[in-house]
Every structure is written in structure tokens, then in C-alpha cells.
């Protein structure tokens, strides 16, 4: 078995010498693309959110071309894409996948998938989201219970390492969700100075640590403060926002969970003033299976999800479109758009390093976690 570090080195080499999957080029004429798609078989689209069903139905209604949305976790998407390609039996023609580092390390260089950006969308998608194409940025944000607190009870993230928050912070277990260890690596690589600055702002003195970085020092302190580790965003939402609690948890969860306020009567509030960030993002890529029998329909679907009509079902859950012309709906439950500039943004340029260091961060968390 090839180690993660070896896989990263091979992938980086493949990309450098052009062995990775080429960028699929679009026909300039959208109408020609539609006509070509009409001659192809129906497609399946993988995504980790159930909203893909609604999106595929919208595509079918708009173009009269059958697309079926299939909810598949990012981890399962990776395995399915690879096995389907190796067996020459592609079932998922399009993959909307949130595991950018794994896509960069495992899917694109080996040619299992291709990244495609429609020519008429190039001016609308910022360069950092173009290759590979990201259709949206997803956010995990810090939240509190508005029934108990009239404002966010935490002003600086270093506060949650203090004794008063011992055992009262809820988050998804970093050992079960790789976006969390990717966040650790991104924070250390791109924003370590802000982490140390936040420490000084709170305590009035520079951070002194034997750890390799300020980010590592903060992560270690959080782990040692006995946070409640949950299996997903649903239990995190309940721990933080369920009504009737005297001492609810403070915590981290997907911005999509703010719909629980309406659906379940929860009392989730977004920590809009939290320093140094209100949350962090990761990207969702739009990729096409290289061996799809319906390449034009797959291209058309990618183009569709880059439009307001196509991405709206996910925007309702706080997913931020990469198309700069598309505006978030005013009734998006979390209110994230007002503070989107205060999110720690994911940088795919170092995604291979995130993949390489996942096991190291998992070991670091495991070593320092205290119940």
C-alpha cells in the first residue's frame, strides 16, 4: 500500500509533468452543448448533501435531460469514483466533492476525473477556484445558544482553552472528518501569525510555547480541555442549540445547521464578532468522470450548478457560490453572508500538503485529547 506521503509526492510529480487529467474544454456555443447532450444517456450526480436531488430535478426540468442526484459521502465518493473507473463501469458521471486534498492527490493526477470550466464562466469564477473547479465554499462556524446568551459568550478563540470552558465546547471529532485536520494544517501554514496575535490580544503578552507553531499550541490546548466530540453536525447542533438548556455547549458546526432553528425550534446564534475568525471554509469541487459515456451532459450540469438557478438549493444552507455574480438569498438562515469576509478561507494551492499531513494532525489530536 502506498503511504499518504508517497501518494502526495507521486501526485505532485504527475501534475508537474502534465500526467494529470487534462482540463476539459467546452464548446463555446452553449446551444451546441445542449444539442450534443440530447444524444447522450442520462447521468448520475454524486454529492454529500441531499440537496443534490433537488438540483438534479431542476436540471432535468430546465433542459429535458434526465439527471439523478445521489447523496454519497465524500469518503464513499472517492472509493466509488476510483473503483468505477478501474472497472470501466462509471455510474457517477459528475462528482461534487468536498474532499479537495484527496481529489488533488488521488483523483485528478491518476486521471479518474477531469476538471471543466465553461468558457463563458471564466470571468465569473475567481482564479483560485478555477483549476480544479470549485463550485462553492462551505463553512463551519462557531455558534452559541441565543435562549441562554444575549450575545456570543466567547470573544476570542483562545478563551475556549480556559478552565471555564472545560467540557463545554462541542465539535465534530477531527479523527472522523478530514476537513478538520485540513483546517489545522491550513491554519498553521497560512495564518499562524493571526493565532499568536489573538493570544496576545487576549492576554496582553506574547505566546510562549514549545509546540512547533501557535496553531499547534491552540489545537493542543483545545484538545486537552475535554471538548465534546460528536459524530456529525446534527448532534453538534443539538448540543449547542436545543432549547430548554441551562448550560448549553458552545461549538463548531456547519452553517447548514442553522435551518434547525426553523425546522426544530433550536436557538442557534452565529458568533459574528469572534476573533480571529467566525469560522472557516472548505471547497466543493465539480468534477467529471473521465470515462463517462455522457460527457456533454456532464459539462452542461457543471455549467448549471455554476448559475444561480442551479446552486440556489445549496445556498439556502449557507453554501457560498464561487460565481461572483450570484448573490446569497436574503433569507439564508445563518446570516453568514454579512460576515463572510471574516471566515478563514481555504487555499487549495496547498491542498496536497493538507493531504500529506492528515495522519500527523490526527496523531497530534489523539495524543493531546482529554475526556
Protein backbone atom coordinates (compact mmCIF):
# COMPACT_ATOMS: atom_id res chain seq x y z
CA UNK A 1 0.00 0.00 0.00
CA UNK A 2 1.32 3.45 -0.92
CA UNK A 3 1.60 5.80 2.05
CA UNK A 4 -0.17 9.17 2.06
CA UNK A 5 3.17 10.97 1.87
CA UNK A 6 4.30 8.83 -1.09
CA UNK A 7 0.96 9.39 -2.81
CA UNK A 8 1.35 13.16 -2.46
CA UNK A 9 4.83 13.06 -3.97
CA UNK A 10 3.63 10.99 -6.91
CA UNK A 11 0.63 13.25 -7.43
CA UNK A 12 2.72 16.40 -7.32
CA UNK A 13 5.09 14.91 -9.89
CA UNK A 14 2.22 13.90 -12.14
CA UNK A 15 0.80 17.39 -12.07
CA UNK A 16 4.18 18.96 -12.67
CA UNK A 17 4.91 16.95 -15.81
CA UNK A 18 1.37 17.05 -17.15
CA UNK A 19 0.35 13.46 -16.46
CA UNK A 20 -2.73 14.52 -14.53
CA UNK A 21 -6.11 14.63 -16.21
CA UNK A 22 -6.31 17.48 -18.72
CA UNK A 23 -8.71 20.36 -18.29
CA UNK A 24 -11.83 19.53 -20.32
CA UNK A 25 -12.63 22.29 -22.79
CA UNK A 26 -16.16 23.42 -23.50
CA UNK A 27 -17.85 24.18 -26.77
CA UNK A 28 -18.17 27.96 -26.99
CA UNK A 29 -21.78 27.61 -28.11
CA UNK A 30 -23.99 26.57 -25.20
CA UNK A 31 -26.75 25.63 -27.61
CA UNK A 32 -24.39 23.23 -29.37
CA UNK A 33 -23.57 21.69 -25.99
CA UNK A 34 -27.25 21.19 -25.27
CA UNK A 35 -27.84 19.57 -28.65
CA UNK A 36 -24.88 17.23 -28.11
CA UNK A 37 -26.17 16.35 -24.63
CA UNK A 38 -29.56 15.36 -26.07
CA UNK A 39 -27.87 12.47 -27.89
CA UNK A 40 -26.43 11.03 -24.66
CA UNK A 41 -27.67 8.79 -21.87
CA UNK A 42 -28.96 10.11 -18.51
CA UNK A 43 -26.39 10.95 -15.85
CA UNK A 44 -25.96 10.42 -12.12
CA UNK A 45 -24.51 13.14 -9.92
CA UNK A 46 -22.81 12.39 -6.60
CA UNK A 47 -22.87 14.91 -3.76
CA UNK A 48 -22.63 14.70 0.02
CA UNK A 49 -25.83 16.71 0.55
CA UNK A 50 -29.37 15.58 -0.09
CA UNK A 51 -29.97 18.88 -1.88
CA UNK A 52 -28.41 17.27 -4.95
CA UNK A 53 -31.74 15.54 -5.57
CA UNK A 54 -33.49 18.90 -5.92
CA UNK A 55 -30.66 20.27 -8.06
CA UNK A 56 -30.78 17.33 -10.46
CA UNK A 57 -34.56 17.64 -10.73
CA UNK A 58 -34.15 21.33 -11.57
CA UNK A 59 -31.65 20.47 -14.30
CA UNK A 60 -33.99 17.86 -15.76
CA UNK A 61 -36.90 20.29 -15.79
CA UNK A 62 -34.84 23.05 -17.41
CA UNK A 63 -33.24 21.02 -20.19
CA UNK A 64 -35.46 17.98 -20.56
CA UNK A 65 -32.38 15.83 -19.92
CA UNK A 66 -32.51 13.20 -17.18
CA UNK A 67 -30.11 13.72 -14.27
CA UNK A 68 -30.40 11.85 -10.99
CA UNK A 69 -28.90 13.22 -7.80
CA UNK A 70 -27.35 10.67 -5.44
CA UNK A 71 -26.32 11.54 -1.88
CA UNK A 72 -22.90 9.98 -1.24
CA UNK A 73 -20.40 11.00 1.45
CA UNK A 74 -17.08 12.43 0.32
CA UNK A 75 -15.20 9.34 1.54
CA UNK A 76 -17.51 6.99 -0.32
CA UNK A 77 -17.34 9.16 -3.43
CA UNK A 78 -13.58 8.72 -3.52
CA UNK A 79 -13.80 4.94 -3.34
CA UNK A 80 -16.67 4.70 -5.83
CA UNK A 81 -15.07 7.00 -8.40
CA UNK A 82 -11.81 5.05 -8.35
CA UNK A 83 -13.43 1.60 -8.49
CA UNK A 84 -15.92 2.57 -11.19
CA UNK A 85 -13.15 3.95 -13.37
CA UNK A 86 -10.93 0.92 -12.88
CA UNK A 87 -13.83 -1.37 -13.78
CA UNK A 88 -14.82 0.73 -16.81
CA UNK A 89 -18.28 0.95 -15.28
CA UNK A 90 -18.93 4.60 -14.49
CA UNK A 91 -22.12 5.15 -12.51
CA UNK A 92 -21.36 8.62 -11.18
CA UNK A 93 -20.84 10.92 -14.17
CA UNK A 94 -20.40 14.07 -12.08
CA UNK A 95 -18.94 14.33 -8.59
CA UNK A 96 -19.49 17.34 -6.36
CA UNK A 97 -16.94 16.54 -3.69
CA UNK A 98 -15.79 18.37 -0.57
CA UNK A 99 -12.52 16.49 -0.10
CA UNK A 100 -10.31 18.80 -2.17
CA UNK A 101 -6.97 17.45 -0.87
CA UNK A 102 -7.88 13.85 -1.75
CA UNK A 103 -9.11 14.93 -5.18
CA UNK A 104 -5.81 16.70 -5.78
CA UNK A 105 -3.77 13.74 -4.55
CA UNK A 106 -5.76 10.75 -5.77
CA UNK A 107 -8.38 11.56 -8.38
CA UNK A 108 -7.05 14.21 -10.77
CA UNK A 109 -3.42 13.08 -11.28
CA UNK A 110 -4.47 9.49 -11.91
CA UNK A 111 -7.00 10.60 -14.50
CA UNK A 112 -10.11 9.25 -12.78
CA UNK A 113 -11.81 12.63 -13.14
CA UNK A 114 -11.38 15.88 -15.04
CA UNK A 115 -11.93 19.49 -14.11
CA UNK A 116 -14.01 21.55 -16.52
CA UNK A 117 -14.74 25.27 -16.54
CA UNK A 118 -17.15 26.59 -19.19
CA UNK A 119 -15.60 29.29 -21.33
CA UNK A 120 -18.41 31.75 -20.63
CA UNK A 121 -17.90 31.34 -16.87
CA UNK A 122 -14.19 32.12 -16.72
CA UNK A 123 -14.71 35.80 -15.96
CA UNK A 124 -17.18 34.98 -13.19
CA UNK A 125 -15.10 32.46 -11.21
CA UNK A 126 -12.06 33.83 -9.31
CA UNK A 127 -8.77 32.28 -10.41
CA UNK A 128 -8.23 30.46 -7.11
CA UNK A 129 -11.39 28.44 -7.77
CA UNK A 130 -10.75 27.60 -11.43
CA UNK A 131 -8.32 24.68 -11.52
CA UNK A 132 -9.63 22.43 -10.23
CA UNK A 133 -13.06 23.99 -10.43
CA UNK A 134 -14.75 24.72 -7.10
CA UNK A 135 -18.48 25.36 -7.35
CA UNK A 136 -18.87 26.61 -3.78
CA UNK A 137 -17.19 27.21 -0.48
CA UNK A 138 -18.75 25.56 2.56
CA UNK A 139 -18.40 26.99 6.04
CA UNK A 140 -18.09 25.64 9.56
CA UNK A 141 -18.89 28.38 12.05
CA UNK A 142 -18.79 28.99 15.79
CA UNK A 143 -22.24 29.13 17.36
CA UNK A 144 -23.99 29.64 20.71
CA UNK A 145 -27.44 29.28 22.25
CA UNK A 146 -29.44 32.52 21.97
CA UNK A 147 -32.00 31.37 24.55
CA UNK A 148 -29.34 31.45 27.26
CA UNK A 149 -26.93 34.12 25.99
CA UNK A 150 -27.87 37.55 24.67
CA UNK A 151 -24.62 37.61 22.72
CA UNK A 152 -21.81 35.23 21.85
CA UNK A 153 -20.22 34.18 25.17
CA UNK A 154 -16.77 33.88 23.58
CA UNK A 155 -14.92 36.85 22.08
CA UNK A 156 -11.55 35.24 21.37
CA UNK A 157 -10.91 31.62 20.39
CA UNK A 158 -8.17 31.25 23.00
CA UNK A 159 -10.91 31.57 25.64
CA UNK A 160 -12.18 28.06 24.91
CA UNK A 161 -8.85 26.68 26.16
CA UNK A 162 -9.55 28.10 29.66
CA UNK A 163 -10.92 26.08 32.62
CA UNK A 164 -14.35 27.72 32.46
CA UNK A 165 -14.93 26.08 29.08
CA UNK A 166 -13.61 22.66 30.05
CA UNK A 167 -16.02 20.07 28.73
CA UNK A 168 -18.38 22.71 27.31
CA UNK A 169 -17.23 23.01 23.68
CA UNK A 170 -18.80 20.75 21.05
CA UNK A 171 -17.29 19.89 17.68
CA UNK A 172 -17.09 17.05 15.18
CA UNK A 173 -14.34 14.57 16.05
CA UNK A 174 -11.27 15.53 13.94
CA UNK A 175 -10.38 11.83 13.75
CA UNK A 176 -13.54 11.15 11.73
CA UNK A 177 -13.72 14.17 9.41
CA UNK A 178 -10.65 15.11 7.39
CA UNK A 179 -11.79 18.68 6.72
CA UNK A 180 -10.95 19.38 10.38
CA UNK A 181 -7.34 18.21 10.12
CA UNK A 182 -7.09 20.05 6.80
CA UNK A 183 -8.19 23.16 8.70
CA UNK A 184 -5.44 22.58 11.27
CA UNK A 185 -2.84 22.38 8.53
CA UNK A 186 -4.20 25.40 6.66
CA UNK A 187 -4.24 27.46 9.84
CA UNK A 188 -0.63 26.64 10.64
CA UNK A 189 0.53 27.21 7.07
CA UNK A 190 -1.37 30.37 6.19
CA UNK A 191 -2.49 32.13 9.36
CA UNK A 192 -0.24 31.19 12.27
CA UNK A 193 0.52 34.82 12.93
CA UNK A 194 -3.15 35.59 13.48
CA UNK A 195 -3.40 32.78 16.02
CA UNK A 196 -0.47 34.17 18.01
CA UNK A 197 -1.80 37.72 17.64
CA UNK A 198 -5.14 36.59 19.09
CA UNK A 199 -3.33 35.18 22.11
CA UNK A 200 -1.54 38.47 22.70
CA UNK A 201 -4.75 40.44 22.23
CA UNK A 202 -6.47 38.38 24.92
CA UNK A 203 -3.70 38.01 27.49
CA UNK A 204 -1.57 41.07 26.82
CA UNK A 205 1.65 39.10 26.33
CA UNK A 206 3.28 37.07 23.54
CA UNK A 207 2.57 33.37 23.31
CA UNK A 208 5.31 31.18 24.74
CA UNK A 209 5.12 27.59 23.56
CA UNK A 210 7.26 24.53 22.96
CA UNK A 211 4.98 23.46 20.12
CA UNK A 212 6.04 23.92 16.52
CA UNK A 213 3.52 26.72 15.93
CA UNK A 214 0.91 28.91 17.58
CA UNK A 215 -1.75 26.89 15.76
CA UNK A 216 -0.42 23.65 17.23
CA UNK A 217 -0.38 25.22 20.68
CA UNK A 218 -4.03 26.27 20.34
CA UNK A 219 -5.13 22.90 18.94
CA UNK A 220 -3.33 21.10 21.77
CA UNK A 221 -4.98 23.32 24.38
CA UNK A 222 -8.44 22.80 22.88
CA UNK A 223 -7.95 19.03 22.78
CA UNK A 224 -6.75 18.98 26.39
CA UNK A 225 -9.81 20.93 27.56
CA UNK A 226 -12.12 17.92 27.13
CA UNK A 227 -14.35 19.09 24.26
CA UNK A 228 -17.47 17.10 23.46
CA UNK A 229 -16.63 15.19 20.27
CA UNK A 230 -19.62 14.24 18.15
CA UNK A 231 -20.08 12.15 15.03
CA UNK A 232 -21.58 14.88 12.88
CA UNK A 233 -23.16 18.30 12.66
CA UNK A 234 -26.61 17.13 13.79
CA UNK A 235 -25.52 16.21 17.34
CA UNK A 236 -23.38 19.36 17.46
CA UNK A 237 -26.43 21.42 16.54
CA UNK A 238 -28.46 19.75 19.27
CA UNK A 239 -25.78 20.22 21.93
CA UNK A 240 -25.46 23.91 21.14
CA UNK A 241 -28.91 24.99 20.07
CA UNK A 242 -31.55 22.74 21.61
CA UNK A 243 -33.98 24.81 23.70
CA UNK A 244 -34.54 24.37 27.43
CA UNK A 245 -30.86 24.02 28.41
CA UNK A 246 -29.36 25.79 31.43
CA UNK A 247 -25.75 25.39 30.34
CA UNK A 248 -25.68 24.70 26.61
CA UNK A 249 -22.49 23.97 24.72
CA UNK A 250 -20.59 26.49 22.66
CA UNK A 251 -19.30 24.96 19.46
CA UNK A 252 -18.47 24.50 15.83
CA UNK A 253 -20.84 23.23 13.16
CA UNK A 254 -21.84 23.54 9.53
CA UNK A 255 -23.63 26.74 8.62
CA UNK A 256 -26.31 24.50 7.07
CA UNK A 257 -27.47 23.51 10.57
CA UNK A 258 -28.97 26.95 11.20
CA UNK A 259 -32.03 25.68 9.37
CA UNK A 260 -32.66 23.73 12.61
CA UNK A 261 -33.87 26.99 14.16
CA UNK A 262 -36.94 26.83 11.92
CA UNK A 263 -37.22 23.08 11.49
CA UNK A 264 -36.61 22.02 15.11
CA UNK A 265 -37.10 25.18 17.17
CA UNK A 266 -33.40 25.40 18.01
CA UNK A 267 -31.74 28.58 19.25
CA UNK A 268 -28.52 28.73 17.26
CA UNK A 269 -26.73 32.06 17.03
CA UNK A 270 -23.71 32.93 14.88
CA UNK A 271 -20.71 34.40 16.72
CA UNK A 272 -20.29 37.38 14.41
CA UNK A 273 -17.63 39.24 16.41
CA UNK A 274 -15.40 36.30 17.31
CA UNK A 275 -11.63 36.83 16.90
CA UNK A 276 -9.69 36.00 14.86
CA UNK A 277 -12.38 34.29 12.71
CA UNK A 278 -16.06 33.47 12.90
CA UNK A 279 -15.35 30.13 11.21
CA UNK A 280 -13.50 28.50 8.35
CA UNK A 281 -14.24 27.22 4.88
CA UNK A 282 -13.51 24.30 2.63
CA UNK A 283 -14.24 23.98 -1.06
CA UNK A 284 -16.62 21.76 -3.02
CA UNK A 285 -15.18 20.72 -6.37
CA UNK A 286 -17.21 20.00 -9.50
CA UNK A 287 -15.55 17.11 -11.35
CA UNK A 288 -16.46 14.93 -14.34
CA UNK A 289 -15.69 11.21 -14.53
CA UNK A 290 -13.12 10.78 -17.30
CA UNK A 291 -14.84 7.65 -18.61
CA UNK A 292 -18.39 8.98 -18.59
CA UNK A 293 -20.46 8.00 -21.61
CA UNK A 294 -22.28 11.35 -21.41
CA UNK A 295 -19.52 13.99 -21.38
CA UNK A 296 -21.61 16.78 -22.87
CA UNK A 297 -24.47 16.30 -20.42
CA UNK A 298 -21.94 16.23 -17.59
CA UNK A 299 -20.42 19.50 -18.84
CA UNK A 300 -23.88 21.03 -19.07
CA UNK A 301 -24.63 20.01 -15.49
CA UNK A 302 -21.40 21.63 -14.26
CA UNK A 303 -22.39 24.81 -16.06
CA UNK A 304 -25.85 24.61 -14.48
CA UNK A 305 -24.54 24.39 -10.90
CA UNK A 306 -22.40 27.48 -11.51
CA UNK A 307 -25.56 29.52 -12.14
CA UNK A 308 -27.89 30.99 -9.53
CA UNK A 309 -30.67 28.66 -10.63
CA UNK A 310 -28.50 25.61 -10.20
CA UNK A 311 -26.78 26.41 -6.89
CA UNK A 312 -29.73 28.03 -5.05
CA UNK A 313 -30.78 24.84 -3.17
CA UNK A 314 -27.33 24.74 -1.55
CA UNK A 315 -27.14 28.48 -0.93
CA UNK A 316 -30.15 28.09 1.33
CA UNK A 317 -27.84 26.03 3.56
CA UNK A 318 -25.17 28.71 3.72
CA UNK A 319 -23.02 27.36 0.87
CA UNK A 320 -21.28 30.32 -0.77
CA UNK A 321 -21.18 30.16 -4.60
CA UNK A 322 -17.85 30.80 -6.33
CA UNK A 323 -19.62 32.62 -9.16
CA UNK A 324 -19.22 36.27 -8.17
CA UNK A 325 -22.41 37.26 -9.98
CA UNK A 326 -24.57 35.04 -7.77
CA UNK A 327 -25.80 36.64 -4.56
CA UNK A 328 -26.79 34.81 -1.42
CA UNK A 329 -30.54 34.77 -0.64
CA UNK A 330 -31.62 37.29 1.97
CA UNK A 331 -33.39 34.60 3.99
CA UNK A 332 -30.36 32.30 4.36
CA UNK A 333 -30.77 31.14 8.00
CA UNK A 334 -27.28 31.66 9.43
CA UNK A 335 -26.73 35.26 8.32
CA UNK A 336 -23.27 34.18 7.20
CA UNK A 337 -23.13 36.45 4.17
CA UNK A 338 -22.83 39.52 6.43
CA UNK A 339 -19.57 38.20 7.90
CA UNK A 340 -18.26 36.07 5.04
CA UNK A 341 -15.13 38.24 4.91
CA UNK A 342 -14.33 37.09 8.46
CA UNK A 343 -14.15 33.41 7.56
CA UNK A 344 -10.74 31.76 7.39
CA UNK A 345 -10.73 30.84 3.70
CA UNK A 346 -9.40 27.54 2.37
CA UNK A 347 -6.46 27.75 -0.04
CA UNK A 348 -6.41 24.84 -2.47
CA UNK A 349 -2.89 25.76 -3.58
CA UNK A 350 -1.57 23.83 -0.58
CA UNK A 351 -4.16 21.06 -0.67
CA UNK A 352 -1.54 18.38 -1.31
CA UNK A 353 0.22 19.38 1.91
CA UNK A 354 -3.10 19.05 3.76
CA UNK A 355 -3.43 15.51 2.44
CA UNK A 356 0.16 14.67 3.34
CA UNK A 357 -0.14 15.86 6.94
CA UNK A 358 -3.56 14.42 7.82
CA UNK A 359 -2.19 11.48 9.76
CA UNK A 360 0.25 13.70 11.66
CA UNK A 361 -2.55 16.01 12.80
CA UNK A 362 -4.75 13.08 13.73
CA UNK A 363 -1.93 11.66 15.86
CA UNK A 364 -1.36 15.08 17.42
CA UNK A 365 -5.04 15.40 18.33
CA UNK A 366 -5.23 11.85 19.66
CA UNK A 367 -2.14 12.36 21.80
CA UNK A 368 -3.46 15.54 23.41
CA UNK A 369 -7.19 14.85 23.68
CA UNK A 370 -8.52 14.56 27.22
CA UNK A 371 -12.06 13.49 28.14
